[in-house]
């Protein structure tokens, strides 16, 4: 029975690709016939490039194209590829920057915003009347709004019940030996619902008549923190998402303008349909986020 040789390349980005190429080169120099090849992440840069070159040469290993292949790998395997040619290096660098912006900024904004409009519709449908309690009653004769003492009992009860539920569930989760997952779910859910209700109401009460620049200030500060402090990037992203969600819910519930844009029922309906379409393709976008840089690096090693 003939022996079969299997080779495994581990992950580790460009460093793994460089190390694996050295191992592969030594084995080929010793004329070791490789029957099976398993690659992960950075090791796949070398593995897929080797298989591509092998297919181009009729599935036969030959020292001549081996030398060309490894010389090519030496030139191309880098975070910013082939700086021996400045023009190619600049183009590759622009591609890398564009991919970073696409994966780190554009895709997350599209994915997170796709939930905002359906969520605003749900909040308006369930508790919109409570959040809109203005103390204003229509006069049956003049059809004008007549100011009266606002009835905020139901709205206050809603906020208080959600707050009490979150606090109690957190306390029970901390001391209870059973049901921790359930009480944690109740704690997170009630706290999230409270935020989705109280933040749009707070915007309506506090920021309704302020200048658009002031409304943007929190978003700008969070974006600065996101860019300047990588350790706080997750928290800054959550703050920006919550702030934008609150404005979208405020737009739907109170039918007022946001940052100069007037509310339109038809426009909101279109955004609901667009959000549904985006949610349908979100799994594909997630796959692109995870693999785009790997595809670029493998393409750089092959081309």
Protein backbone atom coordinates (compact mmCIF):
# COMPACT_ATOMS: atom_id res chain seq x y z
CA UNK A 1 0.00 0.00 0.00
CA UNK A 2 1.50 3.33 -1.07
CA UNK A 3 1.97 6.05 1.51
CA UNK A 4 -0.06 9.22 1.20
CA UNK A 5 1.19 12.56 2.51
CA UNK A 6 -1.13 15.14 4.04
CA UNK A 7 -0.07 18.71 4.78
CA UNK A 8 -1.91 21.12 7.14
CA UNK A 9 -1.38 24.88 7.06
CA UNK A 10 -2.57 26.74 10.17
CA UNK A 11 -3.91 30.28 10.37
CA UNK A 12 -2.11 33.46 11.34
CA UNK A 13 -2.47 35.93 8.50
CA UNK A 14 0.52 36.96 6.40
CA UNK A 15 2.97 35.52 8.94
CA UNK A 16 1.38 32.10 8.56
CA UNK A 17 1.40 32.44 4.77
CA UNK A 18 5.13 33.21 4.82
CA UNK A 19 5.96 30.35 7.20
CA UNK A 20 3.80 27.86 5.27
CA UNK A 21 5.39 28.86 1.97
CA UNK A 22 8.81 28.05 3.45
CA UNK A 23 7.62 24.63 4.61
CA UNK A 24 6.02 23.94 1.23
CA UNK A 25 9.14 25.02 -0.64
CA UNK A 26 11.36 22.70 1.40
CA UNK A 27 9.05 19.73 0.87
CA UNK A 28 8.87 20.33 -2.89
CA UNK A 29 12.66 20.66 -3.08
CA UNK A 30 12.88 17.21 -1.51
CA UNK A 31 10.36 15.96 -4.11
CA UNK A 32 7.76 15.03 -1.51
CA UNK A 33 4.48 14.28 -3.27
CA UNK A 34 1.60 15.97 -1.41
CA UNK A 35 -1.73 14.17 -1.75
CA UNK A 36 -3.89 16.13 0.68
CA UNK A 37 -3.76 19.79 1.70
CA UNK A 38 -5.77 21.34 4.55
CA UNK A 39 -5.60 25.11 5.11
CA UNK A 40 -7.01 27.62 7.58
CA UNK A 41 -7.07 31.42 7.23
CA UNK A 42 -3.57 32.76 6.45
CA UNK A 43 -2.34 29.28 5.59
CA UNK A 44 -4.92 29.28 2.84
CA UNK A 45 -3.11 32.15 1.12
CA UNK A 46 -0.21 29.82 0.39
CA UNK A 47 -2.34 26.71 -0.12
CA UNK A 48 -4.79 28.16 -2.61
CA UNK A 49 -2.03 29.99 -4.50
CA UNK A 50 -0.02 26.75 -4.79
CA UNK A 51 -3.04 24.78 -6.05
CA UNK A 52 -3.88 27.53 -8.55
CA UNK A 53 -0.35 27.50 -9.97
CA UNK A 54 -0.38 23.71 -10.03
CA UNK A 55 -3.62 23.65 -12.04
CA UNK A 56 -2.11 26.13 -14.51
CA UNK A 57 0.76 23.69 -15.07
CA UNK A 58 -1.26 20.57 -15.71
CA UNK A 59 -1.28 19.25 -12.12
CA UNK A 60 2.43 18.44 -12.38
CA UNK A 61 5.08 19.66 -9.97
CA UNK A 62 8.16 21.03 -11.66
CA UNK A 63 11.15 22.93 -10.20
CA UNK A 64 10.90 25.56 -12.93
CA UNK A 65 7.42 26.86 -12.08
CA UNK A 66 8.07 26.21 -8.40
CA UNK A 67 10.84 28.81 -8.53
CA UNK A 68 8.55 31.28 -10.32
CA UNK A 69 5.76 30.60 -7.83
CA UNK A 70 7.85 31.21 -4.71
CA UNK A 71 9.45 34.32 -6.21
CA UNK A 72 5.93 35.57 -6.91
CA UNK A 73 4.85 34.76 -3.34
CA UNK A 74 7.85 36.64 -1.96
CA UNK A 75 6.88 39.75 -3.94
CA UNK A 76 3.14 39.55 -3.27
CA UNK A 77 2.77 38.22 0.29
CA UNK A 78 2.42 41.38 2.41
CA UNK A 79 -0.20 43.59 4.01
CA UNK A 80 0.45 46.16 1.28
CA UNK A 81 1.52 44.04 -1.65
CA UNK A 82 4.27 44.51 -4.21
CA UNK A 83 5.80 47.82 -3.12
CA UNK A 84 8.66 47.06 -5.50
CA UNK A 85 6.26 48.61 -7.99
CA UNK A 86 5.07 51.87 -6.35
CA UNK A 87 2.02 52.23 -8.61
CA UNK A 88 0.79 48.72 -7.80
CA UNK A 89 1.55 49.34 -4.11
CA UNK A 90 -0.57 52.51 -4.07
CA UNK A 91 -3.45 50.77 -5.86
CA UNK A 92 -3.33 47.82 -3.47
CA UNK A 93 -3.21 50.18 -0.50
CA UNK A 94 -6.30 52.03 -1.76
CA UNK A 95 -8.08 48.69 -2.12
CA UNK A 96 -7.18 47.77 1.47
CA UNK A 97 -8.38 51.14 2.81
CA UNK A 98 -11.62 50.84 0.82
CA UNK A 99 -12.19 47.34 2.20
CA UNK A 100 -11.57 48.52 5.77
CA UNK A 101 -14.10 51.34 5.35
CA UNK A 102 -16.59 48.96 3.71
CA UNK A 103 -16.26 46.24 6.35
CA UNK A 104 -15.84 48.43 9.46
CA UNK A 105 -18.16 51.36 8.66
CA UNK A 106 -20.49 50.98 5.67
CA UNK A 107 -21.67 47.40 6.21
CA UNK A 108 -22.31 47.84 9.98
CA UNK A 109 -24.26 51.06 9.37
CA UNK A 110 -26.41 49.38 6.70
CA UNK A 111 -27.00 46.27 8.83
CA UNK A 112 -27.82 48.18 12.05
CA UNK A 113 -30.05 50.72 10.29
CA UNK A 114 -32.06 47.96 8.63
CA UNK A 115 -33.64 47.20 12.03
CA UNK A 116 -34.46 50.82 12.91
CA UNK A 117 -37.55 51.41 10.75
CA UNK A 118 -39.33 48.09 11.48
CA UNK A 119 -38.58 48.62 15.17
CA UNK A 120 -39.97 52.17 15.03
CA UNK A 121 -43.19 50.81 13.48
CA UNK A 122 -43.55 48.21 16.26
CA UNK A 123 -42.94 50.75 19.04
CA UNK A 124 -45.45 53.17 17.50
CA UNK A 125 -48.03 50.40 17.10
CA UNK A 126 -47.70 49.16 20.69
CA UNK A 127 -47.10 52.28 22.81
CA UNK A 128 -47.26 55.21 20.39
CA UNK A 129 -50.45 56.62 21.93
CA UNK A 130 -48.86 56.60 25.39
CA UNK A 131 -45.74 58.38 24.22
CA UNK A 132 -47.77 61.02 22.36
CA UNK A 133 -49.83 62.08 25.40
CA UNK A 134 -49.47 65.86 25.05
CA UNK A 135 -52.35 67.22 27.15
CA UNK A 136 -53.95 68.55 24.00
CA UNK A 137 -57.61 67.99 23.11
CA UNK A 138 -59.35 68.92 19.87
CA UNK A 139 -62.16 71.46 20.19
CA UNK A 140 -65.25 70.01 18.44
CA UNK A 141 -66.36 73.44 17.19
CA UNK A 142 -63.13 75.06 16.02
CA UNK A 143 -61.16 71.81 15.49
CA UNK A 144 -58.22 73.48 17.18
CA UNK A 145 -55.95 72.03 19.83
CA UNK A 146 -56.88 73.19 23.30
CA UNK A 147 -54.19 72.85 25.96
CA UNK A 148 -55.12 70.96 29.10
CA UNK A 149 -53.36 69.23 31.94
CA UNK A 150 -51.59 66.27 30.38
CA UNK A 151 -52.61 62.81 31.54
CA UNK A 152 -49.22 61.19 31.96
CA UNK A 153 -50.34 58.43 34.33
CA UNK A 154 -50.25 55.63 31.75
CA UNK A 155 -46.90 56.73 30.33
CA UNK A 156 -45.37 57.01 33.80
CA UNK A 157 -46.76 53.58 34.66
CA UNK A 158 -45.19 52.13 31.52
CA UNK A 159 -41.75 53.57 32.28
CA UNK A 160 -41.92 52.63 35.97
CA UNK A 161 -43.08 49.05 35.32
CA UNK A 162 -40.27 48.44 32.83
CA UNK A 163 -37.70 49.92 35.22
CA UNK A 164 -38.97 47.86 38.17
CA UNK A 165 -39.03 44.70 36.05
CA UNK A 166 -35.43 45.19 34.94
CA UNK A 167 -34.21 45.92 38.49
CA UNK A 168 -36.05 42.97 40.04
CA UNK A 169 -34.95 40.52 37.36
CA UNK A 170 -31.33 41.66 37.78
CA UNK A 171 -31.53 41.16 41.55
CA UNK A 172 -33.11 37.73 41.21
CA UNK A 173 -30.52 36.69 38.63
CA UNK A 174 -27.74 37.68 41.04
CA UNK A 175 -29.00 35.57 43.96
CA UNK A 176 -31.08 32.81 42.41
CA UNK A 177 -29.39 29.41 41.86
CA UNK A 178 -31.79 28.55 39.04
CA UNK A 179 -33.31 30.30 36.05
CA UNK A 180 -30.38 32.67 35.57
CA UNK A 181 -30.70 32.63 31.79
CA UNK A 182 -34.43 33.43 31.95
CA UNK A 183 -34.03 36.31 34.42
CA UNK A 184 -31.10 37.69 32.46
CA UNK A 185 -33.26 37.63 29.30
CA UNK A 186 -36.04 39.47 31.16
CA UNK A 187 -33.55 42.02 32.51
CA UNK A 188 -32.01 42.76 29.10
CA UNK A 189 -35.38 42.78 27.30
CA UNK A 190 -37.13 45.10 29.75
CA UNK A 191 -34.15 47.45 29.83
CA UNK A 192 -34.00 47.53 26.02
CA UNK A 193 -37.75 48.21 25.74
CA UNK A 194 -37.45 50.98 28.33
CA UNK A 195 -34.67 52.58 26.30
CA UNK A 196 -36.66 52.30 23.06
CA UNK A 197 -39.55 54.11 24.74
CA UNK A 198 -37.90 56.68 26.99
CA UNK A 199 -35.13 57.90 24.64
CA UNK A 200 -37.50 59.01 21.82
CA UNK A 201 -39.73 60.65 24.42
CA UNK A 202 -36.69 62.38 25.93
CA UNK A 203 -35.68 63.66 22.50
CA UNK A 204 -39.19 65.02 22.01
CA UNK A 205 -39.19 66.78 25.39
CA UNK A 206 -35.59 68.00 25.55
CA UNK A 207 -34.19 68.26 22.02
CA UNK A 208 -37.28 69.02 19.96
CA UNK A 209 -36.59 72.76 19.64
CA UNK A 210 -32.80 72.69 19.75
CA UNK A 211 -30.57 73.39 16.77
CA UNK A 212 -29.68 70.43 14.49
CA UNK A 213 -25.97 70.92 15.26
CA UNK A 214 -26.63 70.35 18.96
CA UNK A 215 -28.57 67.19 18.15
CA UNK A 216 -25.62 65.98 16.10
CA UNK A 217 -23.12 66.76 18.85
CA UNK A 218 -23.62 63.47 20.71
CA UNK A 219 -23.29 61.52 17.46
CA UNK A 220 -20.13 63.43 16.52
CA UNK A 221 -18.55 62.89 19.96
CA UNK A 222 -19.34 59.15 19.82
CA UNK A 223 -17.82 58.94 16.33
CA UNK A 224 -14.65 60.68 17.57
CA UNK A 225 -14.38 58.19 20.45
CA UNK A 226 -14.94 55.33 17.97
CA UNK A 227 -12.07 56.54 15.80
CA UNK A 228 -9.61 57.63 18.48
CA UNK A 229 -10.06 54.97 21.17
CA UNK A 230 -10.21 51.39 19.84
CA UNK A 231 -10.71 50.04 23.39
CA UNK A 232 -14.01 51.96 23.63
CA UNK A 233 -15.07 51.26 20.07
CA UNK A 234 -17.79 48.78 20.99
CA UNK A 235 -19.37 51.11 23.57
CA UNK A 236 -19.22 54.08 21.17
CA UNK A 237 -20.89 52.01 18.44
CA UNK A 238 -23.71 51.02 20.82
CA UNK A 239 -24.24 54.67 21.81
CA UNK A 240 -24.40 55.77 18.16
CA UNK A 241 -26.81 52.97 17.26
CA UNK A 242 -29.09 53.70 20.24
CA UNK A 243 -29.08 57.44 19.44
CA UNK A 244 -29.98 56.92 15.79
CA UNK A 245 -32.68 54.36 16.71
CA UNK A 246 -34.18 56.87 19.13
CA UNK A 247 -34.43 59.52 16.40
CA UNK A 248 -36.02 57.10 13.93
CA UNK A 249 -38.59 56.02 16.55
CA UNK A 250 -39.16 59.69 17.42
CA UNK A 251 -39.77 60.43 13.75
CA UNK A 252 -42.43 57.70 13.52
CA UNK A 253 -44.15 58.29 16.88
CA UNK A 254 -44.34 62.09 16.85
CA UNK A 255 -44.45 62.59 13.05
CA UNK A 256 -42.07 65.55 13.44
CA UNK A 257 -39.08 66.51 11.36
CA UNK A 258 -35.64 65.14 12.22
CA UNK A 259 -32.52 67.05 11.19
CA UNK A 260 -34.58 69.08 8.74
CA UNK A 261 -36.42 66.11 7.18
CA UNK A 262 -40.21 66.21 7.50
CA UNK A 263 -42.08 63.00 8.24
CA UNK A 264 -43.80 61.38 5.28
CA UNK A 265 -45.95 58.27 5.55
CA UNK A 266 -45.08 57.15 2.03
CA UNK A 267 -41.35 57.65 2.60
CA UNK A 268 -41.52 55.68 5.84
CA UNK A 269 -43.33 52.83 4.05
CA UNK A 270 -40.59 52.77 1.42
CA UNK A 271 -37.96 52.58 4.16
CA UNK A 272 -39.81 49.63 5.69
CA UNK A 273 -39.60 47.76 2.37
CA UNK A 274 -35.94 48.71 1.92
CA UNK A 275 -35.19 47.50 5.46
CA UNK A 276 -36.89 44.19 4.71
CA UNK A 277 -34.78 43.76 1.57
CA UNK A 278 -31.58 44.55 3.49
CA UNK A 279 -32.51 42.10 6.27
CA UNK A 280 -32.95 39.43 3.59
CA UNK A 281 -29.36 39.94 2.36
CA UNK A 282 -27.77 40.52 5.80
CA UNK A 283 -26.44 36.91 6.03
CA UNK A 284 -24.61 37.41 2.73
CA UNK A 285 -23.21 40.74 3.92
CA UNK A 286 -21.96 39.06 7.10
CA UNK A 287 -20.12 36.45 5.03
CA UNK A 288 -18.53 39.18 2.92
CA UNK A 289 -17.41 41.01 6.10
CA UNK A 290 -15.68 37.90 7.41
CA UNK A 291 -14.00 36.83 4.18
CA UNK A 292 -13.29 39.93 2.11
CA UNK A 293 -9.76 40.56 3.42
CA UNK A 294 -8.89 36.87 3.07
CA UNK A 295 -10.14 36.86 -0.52
CA UNK A 296 -8.06 39.95 -1.29
CA UNK A 297 -4.89 38.43 0.17
CA UNK A 298 -5.41 35.12 -1.64
CA UNK A 299 -6.08 36.96 -4.88
CA UNK A 300 -2.86 38.94 -4.34
CA UNK A 301 -0.84 35.76 -3.89
CA UNK A 302 -2.38 34.12 -6.96
CA UNK A 303 -2.49 36.92 -9.52
